[in-house]
């Protein structure tokens, strides 16, 4: 089983998720009550063990901005939750090893 805890907004929660066995932690960059700034996410991701998959959650973000946020936040994967086209998903996938696309 693969476990991802999403909506992380602080280091304590991220470290607790890892200590409890999470394989991945998610950071929401789309508008949301749990939205986090890229710099704050970076401050958390840099403290996590390297084997933890860090995921940025996006919705209908332009690929160039999405990849900029990924780099600034230090996340390894993108999870797309909007109406992204196949071309957009492919563009992001060319730049990242892991891309998760949610479909309604």
PDB file of N, CA and C in Angstrom:
ATOM      1  N   UNK A   1       0.841  -1.176   0.000  1.00  0.00           N
ATOM      2  CA  UNK A   1       0.000   0.000   0.000  1.00  0.00           C
ATOM      3  C   UNK A   1       0.887   1.240   0.000  1.00  0.00           C
ATOM      4  N   UNK A   2       0.439   2.261  -0.704  1.00  0.00           N
ATOM      5  CA  UNK A   2       1.137   3.545  -0.787  1.00  0.00           C
ATOM      6  C   UNK A   2       0.248   4.577  -0.106  1.00  0.00           C
ATOM      7  N   UNK A   3       0.811   5.320   0.850  1.00  0.00           N
ATOM      8  CA  UNK A   3       0.025   6.292   1.613  1.00  0.00           C
ATOM      9  C   UNK A   3       0.577   7.693   1.391  1.00  0.00           C
ATOM     10  N   UNK A   4      -0.326   8.614   0.985  1.00  0.00           N
ATOM     11  CA  UNK A   4       0.037  10.026   0.843  1.00  0.00           C
ATOM     12  C   UNK A   4      -0.865  10.836   1.763  1.00  0.00           C
ATOM     13  N   UNK A   5      -0.258  11.674   2.577  1.00  0.00           N
ATOM     14  CA  UNK A   5      -1.004  12.595   3.423  1.00  0.00           C
ATOM     15  C   UNK A   5      -0.932  13.957   2.747  1.00  0.00           C
ATOM     16  N   UNK A   6      -2.086  14.516   2.450  1.00  0.00           N
ATOM     17  CA  UNK A   6      -2.136  15.750   1.678  1.00  0.00           C
ATOM     18  C   UNK A   6      -2.611  16.917   2.541  1.00  0.00           C
ATOM     19  N   UNK A   7      -2.352  18.115   2.045  1.00  0.00           N
ATOM     20  CA  UNK A   7      -2.788  19.313   2.751  1.00  0.00           C
ATOM     21  C   UNK A   7      -1.843  19.730   3.857  1.00  0.00           C
ATOM     22  N   UNK A   8      -0.594  19.321   3.746  1.00  0.00           N
ATOM     23  CA  UNK A   8       0.406  19.669   4.765  1.00  0.00           C
ATOM     24  C   UNK A   8       0.644  21.182   4.737  1.00  0.00           C
ATOM     25  N   UNK A   9       0.628  21.794   5.914  1.00  0.00           N
ATOM     26  CA  UNK A   9       0.863  23.241   6.002  1.00  0.00           C
ATOM     27  C   UNK A   9       1.955  23.606   7.001  1.00  0.00           C
ATOM     28  N   UNK A  10       2.487  22.595   7.711  1.00  0.00           N
ATOM     29  CA  UNK A  10       3.548  22.913   8.667  1.00  0.00           C
ATOM     30  C   UNK A  10       4.475  21.710   8.839  1.00  0.00           C
ATOM     31  N   UNK A  11       5.654  22.000   9.323  1.00  0.00           N
ATOM     32  CA  UNK A  11       6.691  20.974   9.457  1.00  0.00           C
ATOM     33  C   UNK A  11       6.296  19.874  10.434  1.00  0.00           C
ATOM     34  N   UNK A  12       5.675  20.232  11.541  1.00  0.00           N
ATOM     35  CA  UNK A  12       5.294  19.219  12.526  1.00  0.00           C
ATOM     36  C   UNK A  12       4.365  18.173  11.916  1.00  0.00           C
ATOM     37  N   UNK A  13       3.383  18.620  11.139  1.00  0.00           N
ATOM     38  CA  UNK A  13       2.458  17.670  10.513  1.00  0.00           C
ATOM     39  C   UNK A  13       3.175  16.798   9.484  1.00  0.00           C
ATOM     40  N   UNK A  14       4.088  17.389   8.735  1.00  0.00           N
ATOM     41  CA  UNK A  14       4.840  16.615   7.740  1.00  0.00           C
ATOM     42  C   UNK A  14       5.684  15.544   8.423  1.00  0.00           C
ATOM     43  N   UNK A  15       6.377  15.926   9.470  1.00  0.00           N
ATOM     44  CA  UNK A  15       7.222  14.964  10.178  1.00  0.00           C
ATOM     45  C   UNK A  15       6.391  13.891  10.872  1.00  0.00           C
ATOM     46  N   UNK A  16       5.226  14.264  11.378  1.00  0.00           N
ATOM     47  CA  UNK A  16       4.339  13.276  11.992  1.00  0.00           C
ATOM     48  C   UNK A  16       3.836  12.286  10.942  1.00  0.00           C
ATOM     49  N   UNK A  17       3.454  12.793   9.777  1.00  0.00           N
ATOM     50  CA  UNK A  17       2.994  11.908   8.698  1.00  0.00           C
ATOM     51  C   UNK A  17       4.085  10.901   8.336  1.00  0.00           C
ATOM     52  N   UNK A  18       5.307  11.382   8.231  1.00  0.00           N
ATOM     53  CA  UNK A  18       6.433  10.499   7.905  1.00  0.00           C
ATOM     54  C   UNK A  18       6.650   9.486   9.029  1.00  0.00           C
ATOM     55  N   UNK A  19       6.622   9.948  10.267  1.00  0.00           N
ATOM     56  CA  UNK A  19       6.824   9.053  11.408  1.00  0.00           C
ATOM     57  C   UNK A  19       5.739   7.981  11.489  1.00  0.00           C
ATOM     58  N   UNK A  20       4.546   8.313  11.021  1.00  0.00           N
ATOM     59  CA  UNK A  20       3.428   7.363  11.047  1.00  0.00           C
ATOM     60  C   UNK A  20       3.420   6.443   9.827  1.00  0.00           C
ATOM     61  N   UNK A  21       4.399   6.618   8.938  1.00  0.00           N
ATOM     62  CA  UNK A  21       4.542   5.689   7.828  1.00  0.00           C
ATOM     63  C   UNK A  21       4.109   6.182   6.467  1.00  0.00           C
ATOM     64  N   UNK A  22       3.797   7.453   6.333  1.00  0.00           N
ATOM     65  CA  UNK A  22       3.404   7.969   5.015  1.00  0.00           C
ATOM     66  C   UNK A  22       4.560   7.818   4.030  1.00  0.00           C
ATOM     67  N   UNK A  23       4.217   7.455   2.809  1.00  0.00           N
ATOM     68  CA  UNK A  23       5.201   7.360   1.732  1.00  0.00           C
ATOM     69  C   UNK A  23       5.373   8.696   1.023  1.00  0.00           C
ATOM     70  N   UNK A  24       4.342   9.531   1.125  1.00  0.00           N
ATOM     71  CA  UNK A  24       4.343  10.813   0.422  1.00  0.00           C
ATOM     72  C   UNK A  24       3.574  11.838   1.236  1.00  0.00           C
ATOM     73  N   UNK A  25       3.939  13.091   1.032  1.00  0.00           N
ATOM     74  CA  UNK A  25       3.187  14.195   1.624  1.00  0.00           C
ATOM     75  C   UNK A  25       2.867  15.188   0.517  1.00  0.00           C
ATOM     76  N   UNK A  26       1.676  15.778   0.611  1.00  0.00           N
ATOM     77  CA  UNK A  26       1.218  16.687  -0.424  1.00  0.00           C
ATOM     78  C   UNK A  26       1.055  18.105   0.082  1.00  0.00           C
ATOM     79  N   UNK A  27       1.362  19.040  -0.807  1.00  0.00           N
ATOM     80  CA  UNK A  27       1.262  20.466  -0.518  1.00  0.00           C
ATOM     81  C   UNK A  27       0.332  21.091  -1.554  1.00  0.00           C
ATOM     82  N   UNK A  28      -0.670  21.791  -1.101  1.00  0.00           N
ATOM     83  CA  UNK A  28      -1.675  22.345  -2.007  1.00  0.00           C
ATOM     84  C   UNK A  28      -1.264  23.751  -2.426  1.00  0.00           C
ATOM     85  N   UNK A  29      -1.069  23.912  -3.736  1.00  0.00           N
ATOM     86  CA  UNK A  29      -0.725  25.217  -4.296  1.00  0.00           C
ATOM     87  C   UNK A  29      -1.906  25.849  -5.023  1.00  0.00           C
ATOM     88  N   UNK A  30      -2.963  25.088  -5.216  1.00  0.00           N
ATOM     89  CA  UNK A  30      -4.195  25.626  -5.801  1.00  0.00           C
ATOM     90  C   UNK A  30      -4.947  26.394  -4.719  1.00  0.00           C
ATOM     91  N   UNK A  31      -5.818  27.320  -5.121  1.00  0.00           N
ATOM     92  CA  UNK A  31      -6.613  28.028  -4.116  1.00  0.00           C
ATOM     93  C   UNK A  31      -7.375  27.038  -3.227  1.00  0.00           C
ATOM     94  N   UNK A  32      -7.186  27.182  -1.928  1.00  0.00           N
ATOM     95  CA  UNK A  32      -7.766  26.250  -0.960  1.00  0.00           C
ATOM     96  C   UNK A  32      -7.514  26.802   0.438  1.00  0.00           C
ATOM     97  N   UNK A  33      -8.335  26.427   1.405  1.00  0.00           N
ATOM     98  CA  UNK A  33      -8.020  26.808   2.789  1.00  0.00           C
ATOM     99  C   UNK A  33      -6.673  26.245   3.253  1.00  0.00           C
ATOM    100  N   UNK A  34      -6.193  25.189   2.612  1.00  0.00           N
ATOM    101  CA  UNK A  34      -4.921  24.571   2.993  1.00  0.00           C
ATOM    102  C   UNK A  34      -3.791  24.944   2.028  1.00  0.00           C
ATOM    103  N   UNK A  35      -4.016  25.971   1.229  1.00  0.00           N
ATOM    104  CA  UNK A  35      -2.987  26.418   0.283  1.00  0.00           C
ATOM    105  C   UNK A  35      -1.749  26.869   1.047  1.00  0.00           C
ATOM    106  N   UNK A  36      -0.593  26.564   0.467  1.00  0.00           N
ATOM    107  CA  UNK A  36       0.682  26.903   1.097  1.00  0.00           C
ATOM    108  C   UNK A  36       1.544  27.661   0.088  1.00  0.00           C
ATOM    109  N   UNK A  37       2.338  28.573   0.572  1.00  0.00           N
ATOM    110  CA  UNK A  37       3.262  29.315  -0.290  1.00  0.00           C
ATOM    111  C   UNK A  37       4.451  28.418  -0.641  1.00  0.00           C
ATOM    112  N   UNK A  38       4.991  28.560  -1.846  1.00  0.00           N
ATOM    113  CA  UNK A  38       6.129  27.722  -2.245  1.00  0.00           C
ATOM    114  C   UNK A  38       7.306  27.791  -1.269  1.00  0.00           C
ATOM    115  N   UNK A  39       7.631  28.963  -0.765  1.00  0.00           N
ATOM    116  CA  UNK A  39       8.770  29.075   0.158  1.00  0.00           C
ATOM    117  C   UNK A  39       8.511  28.313   1.453  1.00  0.00           C
ATOM    118  N   UNK A  40       7.291  28.393   1.954  1.00  0.00           N
ATOM    119  CA  UNK A  40       6.968  27.658   3.181  1.00  0.00           C
ATOM    120  C   UNK A  40       7.043  26.154   2.931  1.00  0.00           C
ATOM    121  N   UNK A  41       6.560  25.723   1.767  1.00  0.00           N
ATOM    122  CA  UNK A  41       6.661  24.301   1.422  1.00  0.00           C
ATOM    123  C   UNK A  41       8.129  23.884   1.336  1.00  0.00           C
ATOM    124  N   UNK A  42       8.955  24.728   0.739  1.00  0.00           N
ATOM    125  CA  UNK A  42      10.387  24.419   0.640  1.00  0.00           C
ATOM    126  C   UNK A  42      11.008  24.263   2.029  1.00  0.00           C
ATOM    127  N   UNK A  43      10.640  25.142   2.937  1.00  0.00           N
ATOM    128  CA  UNK A  43      11.179  25.059   4.296  1.00  0.00           C
ATOM    129  C   UNK A  43      10.837  23.715   4.943  1.00  0.00           C
ATOM    130  N   UNK A  44       9.723  23.124   4.526  1.00  0.00           N
ATOM    131  CA  UNK A  44       9.318  21.812   5.044  1.00  0.00           C
ATOM    132  C   UNK A  44       9.990  20.689   4.251  1.00  0.00           C
ATOM    133  N   UNK A  45       9.932  20.757   2.922  1.00  0.00           N
ATOM    134  CA  UNK A  45      10.448  19.646   2.104  1.00  0.00           C
ATOM    135  C   UNK A  45      11.937  19.417   2.328  1.00  0.00           C
ATOM    136  N   UNK A  46      12.679  20.463   2.581  1.00  0.00           N
ATOM    137  CA  UNK A  46      14.128  20.292   2.757  1.00  0.00           C
ATOM    138  C   UNK A  46      14.471  19.552   4.045  1.00  0.00           C
ATOM    139  N   UNK A  47      13.504  19.430   4.949  1.00  0.00           N
ATOM    140  CA  UNK A  47      13.741  18.743   6.223  1.00  0.00           C
ATOM    141  C   UNK A  47      13.248  17.293   6.219  1.00  0.00           C
ATOM    142  N   UNK A  48      12.656  16.868   5.118  1.00  0.00           N
ATOM    143  CA  UNK A  48      12.107  15.512   5.049  1.00  0.00           C
ATOM    144  C   UNK A  48      13.151  14.531   4.525  1.00  0.00           C
ATOM    145  N   UNK A  49      13.030  13.266   4.912  1.00  0.00           N
ATOM    146  CA  UNK A  49      13.953  12.257   4.379  1.00  0.00           C
ATOM    147  C   UNK A  49      13.834  12.185   2.849  1.00  0.00           C
ATOM    148  N   UNK A  50      14.933  11.925   2.166  1.00  0.00           N
ATOM    149  CA  UNK A  50      14.917  11.938   0.697  1.00  0.00           C
ATOM    150  C   UNK A  50      14.010  10.881   0.071  1.00  0.00           C
ATOM    151  N   UNK A  51      13.717   9.817   0.801  1.00  0.00           N
ATOM    152  CA  UNK A  51      12.863   8.771   0.229  1.00  0.00           C
ATOM    153  C   UNK A  51      11.376   9.123   0.250  1.00  0.00           C
ATOM    154  N   UNK A  52      11.017  10.202   0.908  1.00  0.00           N
ATOM    155  CA  UNK A  52       9.615  10.627   0.950  1.00  0.00           C
ATOM    156  C   UNK A  52       9.281  11.370  -0.342  1.00  0.00           C
ATOM    157  N   UNK A  53       8.214  10.941  -0.995  1.00  0.00           N
ATOM    158  CA  UNK A  53       7.764  11.619  -2.208  1.00  0.00           C
ATOM    159  C   UNK A  53       6.983  12.866  -1.799  1.00  0.00           C
ATOM    160  N   UNK A  54       7.438  14.004  -2.269  1.00  0.00           N
ATOM    161  CA  UNK A  54       6.750  15.261  -1.986  1.00  0.00           C
ATOM    162  C   UNK A  54       5.976  15.661  -3.235  1.00  0.00           C
ATOM    163  N   UNK A  55       4.711  16.023  -3.036  1.00  0.00           N
ATOM    164  CA  UNK A  55       3.792  16.235  -4.147  1.00  0.00           C
ATOM    165  C   UNK A  55       3.162  17.619  -4.049  1.00  0.00           C
ATOM    166  N   UNK A  56       3.195  18.352  -5.140  1.00  0.00           N
ATOM    167  CA  UNK A  56       2.488  19.623  -5.229  1.00  0.00           C
ATOM    168  C   UNK A  56       1.151  19.400  -5.905  1.00  0.00           C
ATOM    169  N   UNK A  57       0.099  19.931  -5.321  1.00  0.00           N
ATOM    170  CA  UNK A  57      -1.252  19.771  -5.869  1.00  0.00           C
ATOM    171  C   UNK A  57      -1.652  21.078  -6.558  1.00  0.00           C
ATOM    172  N   UNK A  58      -2.062  20.946  -7.821  1.00  0.00           N
ATOM    173  CA  UNK A  58      -2.371  22.102  -8.658  1.00  0.00           C
ATOM    174  C   UNK A  58      -3.731  21.928  -9.320  1.00  0.00           C
ATOM    175  N   UNK A  59      -4.318  23.060  -9.718  1.00  0.00           N
ATOM    176  CA  UNK A  59      -5.572  23.024 -10.471  1.00  0.00           C
ATOM    177  C   UNK A  59      -5.515  24.077 -11.572  1.00  0.00           C
ATOM    178  N   UNK A  60      -5.498  23.612 -12.807  1.00  0.00           N
ATOM    179  CA  UNK A  60      -5.545  24.482 -13.988  1.00  0.00           C
ATOM    180  C   UNK A  60      -4.430  25.534 -14.003  1.00  0.00           C
ATOM    181  N   UNK A  61      -3.257  25.151 -13.559  1.00  0.00           N
ATOM    182  CA  UNK A  61      -2.115  26.066 -13.538  1.00  0.00           C
ATOM    183  C   UNK A  61      -1.373  25.985 -14.872  1.00  0.00           C
ATOM    184  N   UNK A  62      -0.881  27.108 -15.351  1.00  0.00           N
ATOM    185  CA  UNK A  62      -0.072  27.113 -16.567  1.00  0.00           C
ATOM    186  C   UNK A  62       1.185  26.276 -16.309  1.00  0.00           C
ATOM    187  N   UNK A  63       1.571  25.406 -17.247  1.00  0.00           N
ATOM    188  CA  UNK A  63       2.705  24.508 -17.002  1.00  0.00           C
ATOM    189  C   UNK A  63       3.991  25.215 -16.585  1.00  0.00           C
ATOM    190  N   UNK A  64       4.303  26.344 -17.184  1.00  0.00           N
ATOM    191  CA  UNK A  64       5.548  27.037 -16.820  1.00  0.00           C
ATOM    192  C   UNK A  64       5.500  27.530 -15.372  1.00  0.00           C
ATOM    193  N   UNK A  65       4.370  28.077 -14.957  1.00  0.00           N
ATOM    194  CA  UNK A  65       4.235  28.523 -13.569  1.00  0.00           C
ATOM    195  C   UNK A  65       4.227  27.326 -12.626  1.00  0.00           C
ATOM    196  N   UNK A  66       3.544  26.268 -13.012  1.00  0.00           N
ATOM    197  CA  UNK A  66       3.510  25.052 -12.204  1.00  0.00           C
ATOM    198  C   UNK A  66       4.928  24.546 -11.958  1.00  0.00           C
ATOM    199  N   UNK A  67       5.727  24.452 -13.006  1.00  0.00           N
ATOM    200  CA  UNK A  67       7.093  23.952 -12.854  1.00  0.00           C
ATOM    201  C   UNK A  67       7.962  24.904 -12.047  1.00  0.00           C
ATOM    202  N   UNK A  68       7.704  26.193 -12.159  1.00  0.00           N
ATOM    203  CA  UNK A  68       8.421  27.163 -11.332  1.00  0.00           C
ATOM    204  C   UNK A  68       8.094  26.933  -9.855  1.00  0.00           C
ATOM    205  N   UNK A  69       6.827  26.725  -9.550  1.00  0.00           N
ATOM    206  CA  UNK A  69       6.421  26.469  -8.161  1.00  0.00           C
ATOM    207  C   UNK A  69       7.028  25.161  -7.664  1.00  0.00           C
ATOM    208  N   UNK A  70       6.995  24.122  -8.492  1.00  0.00           N
ATOM    209  CA  UNK A  70       7.606  22.840  -8.127  1.00  0.00           C
ATOM    210  C   UNK A  70       9.065  23.050  -7.730  1.00  0.00           C
ATOM    211  N   UNK A  71       9.791  23.787  -8.545  1.00  0.00           N
ATOM    212  CA  UNK A  71      11.212  24.021  -8.260  1.00  0.00           C
ATOM    213  C   UNK A  71      11.413  24.855  -7.003  1.00  0.00           C
ATOM    214  N   UNK A  72      10.628  25.907  -6.844  1.00  0.00           N
ATOM    215  CA  UNK A  72      10.785  26.763  -5.660  1.00  0.00           C
ATOM    216  C   UNK A  72      10.382  26.042  -4.380  1.00  0.00           C
ATOM    217  N   UNK A  73       9.407  25.150  -4.476  1.00  0.00           N
ATOM    218  CA  UNK A  73       8.916  24.443  -3.292  1.00  0.00           C
ATOM    219  C   UNK A  73       9.734  23.197  -2.967  1.00  0.00           C
ATOM    220  N   UNK A  74      10.507  22.723  -3.927  1.00  0.00           N
ATOM    221  CA  UNK A  74      11.303  21.529  -3.689  1.00  0.00           C
ATOM    222  C   UNK A  74      10.504  20.241  -3.698  1.00  0.00           C
ATOM    223  N   UNK A  75       9.346  20.247  -4.370  1.00  0.00           N
ATOM    224  CA  UNK A  75       8.573  19.009  -4.454  1.00  0.00           C
ATOM    225  C   UNK A  75       9.038  18.195  -5.657  1.00  0.00           C
ATOM    226  N   UNK A  76       8.786  16.894  -5.596  1.00  0.00           N
ATOM    227  CA  UNK A  76       9.271  15.978  -6.622  1.00  0.00           C
ATOM    228  C   UNK A  76       8.204  15.592  -7.637  1.00  0.00           C
ATOM    229  N   UNK A  77       6.944  15.842  -7.315  1.00  0.00           N
ATOM    230  CA  UNK A  77       5.845  15.385  -8.166  1.00  0.00           C
ATOM    231  C   UNK A  77       4.764  16.449  -8.239  1.00  0.00           C
ATOM    232  N   UNK A  78       3.939  16.339  -9.279  1.00  0.00           N
ATOM    233  CA  UNK A  78       2.786  17.230  -9.421  1.00  0.00           C
ATOM    234  C   UNK A  78       1.525  16.386  -9.523  1.00  0.00           C
ATOM    235  N   UNK A  79       0.511  16.816  -8.807  1.00  0.00           N
ATOM    236  CA  UNK A  79      -0.807  16.186  -8.866  1.00  0.00           C
ATOM    237  C   UNK A  79      -1.751  17.230  -9.452  1.00  0.00           C
ATOM    238  N   UNK A  80      -2.370  16.903 -10.576  1.00  0.00           N
ATOM    239  CA  UNK A  80      -3.186  17.860 -11.320  1.00  0.00           C
ATOM    240  C   UNK A  80      -4.662  17.555 -11.106  1.00  0.00           C
ATOM    241  N   UNK A  81      -5.394  18.541 -10.599  1.00  0.00           N
ATOM    242  CA  UNK A  81      -6.795  18.333 -10.232  1.00  0.00           C
ATOM    243  C   UNK A  81      -7.752  19.245 -10.970  1.00  0.00           C
ATOM    244  N   UNK A  82      -7.370  19.720 -12.119  1.00  0.00           N
ATOM    245  CA  UNK A  82      -8.252  20.619 -12.850  1.00  0.00           C
ATOM    246  C   UNK A  82      -8.679  20.025 -14.170  1.00  0.00           C
ATOM    247  N   UNK A  83      -8.871  20.902 -15.117  1.00  0.00           N
ATOM    248  CA  UNK A  83      -9.278  20.501 -16.465  1.00  0.00           C
ATOM    249  C   UNK A  83      -8.085  20.518 -17.412  1.00  0.00           C
ATOM    250  N   UNK A  84      -6.950  20.079 -16.931  1.00  0.00           N
ATOM    251  CA  UNK A  84      -5.742  20.072 -17.745  1.00  0.00           C
ATOM    252  C   UNK A  84      -5.931  19.174 -18.968  1.00  0.00           C
ATOM    253  N   UNK A  85      -5.444  19.661 -20.095  1.00  0.00           N
ATOM    254  CA  UNK A  85      -5.518  18.877 -21.326  1.00  0.00           C
ATOM    255  C   UNK A  85      -4.430  17.807 -21.317  1.00  0.00           C
ATOM    256  N   UNK A  86      -4.571  16.861 -22.221  1.00  0.00           N
ATOM    257  CA  UNK A  86      -3.543  15.827 -22.365  1.00  0.00           C
ATOM    258  C   UNK A  86      -2.201  16.466 -22.715  1.00  0.00           C
ATOM    259  N   UNK A  87      -2.234  17.523 -23.523  1.00  0.00           N
ATOM    260  CA  UNK A  87      -0.992  18.211 -23.895  1.00  0.00           C
ATOM    261  C   UNK A  87      -0.335  18.857 -22.679  1.00  0.00           C
ATOM    262  N   UNK A  88      -1.129  19.442 -21.803  1.00  0.00           N
ATOM    263  CA  UNK A  88      -0.588  20.051 -20.587  1.00  0.00           C
ATOM    264  C   UNK A  88       0.021  18.989 -19.682  1.00  0.00           C
ATOM    265  N   UNK A  89      -0.691  17.889 -19.505  1.00  0.00           N
ATOM    266  CA  UNK A  89      -0.177  16.799 -18.671  1.00  0.00           C
ATOM    267  C   UNK A  89       1.139  16.281 -19.251  1.00  0.00           C
ATOM    268  N   UNK A  90       1.192  16.124 -20.561  1.00  0.00           N
ATOM    269  CA  UNK A  90       2.413  15.639 -21.215  1.00  0.00           C
ATOM    270  C   UNK A  90       3.564  16.621 -21.026  1.00  0.00           C
ATOM    271  N   UNK A  91       3.276  17.911 -21.116  1.00  0.00           N
ATOM    272  CA  UNK A  91       4.327  18.919 -20.930  1.00  0.00           C
ATOM    273  C   UNK A  91       4.904  18.844 -19.520  1.00  0.00           C
ATOM    274  N   UNK A  92       4.042  18.713 -18.545  1.00  0.00           N
ATOM    275  CA  UNK A  92       4.505  18.598 -17.156  1.00  0.00           C
ATOM    276  C   UNK A  92       5.276  17.290 -16.971  1.00  0.00           C
ATOM    277  N   UNK A  93       4.774  16.219 -17.567  1.00  0.00           N
ATOM    278  CA  UNK A  93       5.416  14.907 -17.422  1.00  0.00           C
ATOM    279  C   UNK A  93       6.807  14.867 -18.055  1.00  0.00           C
ATOM    280  N   UNK A  94       7.043  15.694 -19.049  1.00  0.00           N
ATOM    281  CA  UNK A  94       8.390  15.742 -19.641  1.00  0.00           C
ATOM    282  C   UNK A  94       9.407  16.336 -18.665  1.00  0.00           C
ATOM    283  N   UNK A  95       8.930  17.133 -17.729  1.00  0.00           N
ATOM    284  CA  UNK A  95       9.832  17.815 -16.801  1.00  0.00           C
ATOM    285  C   UNK A  95       9.938  17.128 -15.436  1.00  0.00           C
ATOM    286  N   UNK A  96       8.959  16.310 -15.094  1.00  0.00           N
ATOM    287  CA  UNK A  96       8.932  15.681 -13.770  1.00  0.00           C
ATOM    288  C   UNK A  96       8.869  14.167 -13.895  1.00  0.00           C
ATOM    289  N   UNK A  97       9.453  13.506 -12.939  1.00  0.00           N
ATOM    290  CA  UNK A  97       9.413  12.040 -12.948  1.00  0.00           C
ATOM    291  C   UNK A  97       8.022  11.510 -12.604  1.00  0.00           C
ATOM    292  N   UNK A  98       7.318  12.197 -11.694  1.00  0.00           N
ATOM    293  CA  UNK A  98       6.014  11.733 -11.245  1.00  0.00           C
ATOM    294  C   UNK A  98       4.957  12.798 -11.498  1.00  0.00           C
ATOM    295  N   UNK A  99       3.908  12.407 -12.209  1.00  0.00           N
ATOM    296  CA  UNK A  99       2.751  13.274 -12.422  1.00  0.00           C
ATOM    297  C   UNK A  99       1.508  12.432 -12.167  1.00  0.00           C
ATOM    298  N   UNK A 100       0.629  12.958 -11.346  1.00  0.00           N
ATOM    299  CA  UNK A 100      -0.637  12.299 -11.037  1.00  0.00           C
ATOM    300  C   UNK A 100      -1.735  13.173 -11.617  1.00  0.00           C
ATOM    301  N   UNK A 101      -2.601  12.598 -12.432  1.00  0.00           N
ATOM    302  CA  UNK A 101      -3.710  13.363 -13.005  1.00  0.00           C
ATOM    303  C   UNK A 101      -5.015  12.806 -12.459  1.00  0.00           C
ATOM    304  N   UNK A 102      -5.770  13.649 -11.783  1.00  0.00           N
ATOM    305  CA  UNK A 102      -7.088  13.262 -11.271  1.00  0.00           C
ATOM    306  C   UNK A 102      -8.136  13.607 -12.319  1.00  0.00           C
ATOM    307  N   UNK A 103      -9.062  12.701 -12.513  1.00  0.00           N
ATOM    308  CA  UNK A 103     -10.165  12.925 -13.453  1.00  0.00           C
ATOM    309  C   UNK A 103     -11.474  12.911 -12.684  1.00  0.00           C
ATOM    310  N   UNK A 104     -12.390  13.815 -13.069  1.00  0.00           N
ATOM    311  CA  UNK A 104     -13.682  13.850 -12.359  1.00  0.00           C
ATOM    312  C   UNK A 104     -14.504  12.600 -12.609  1.00  0.00           C
TER     313      UNK A 104
END
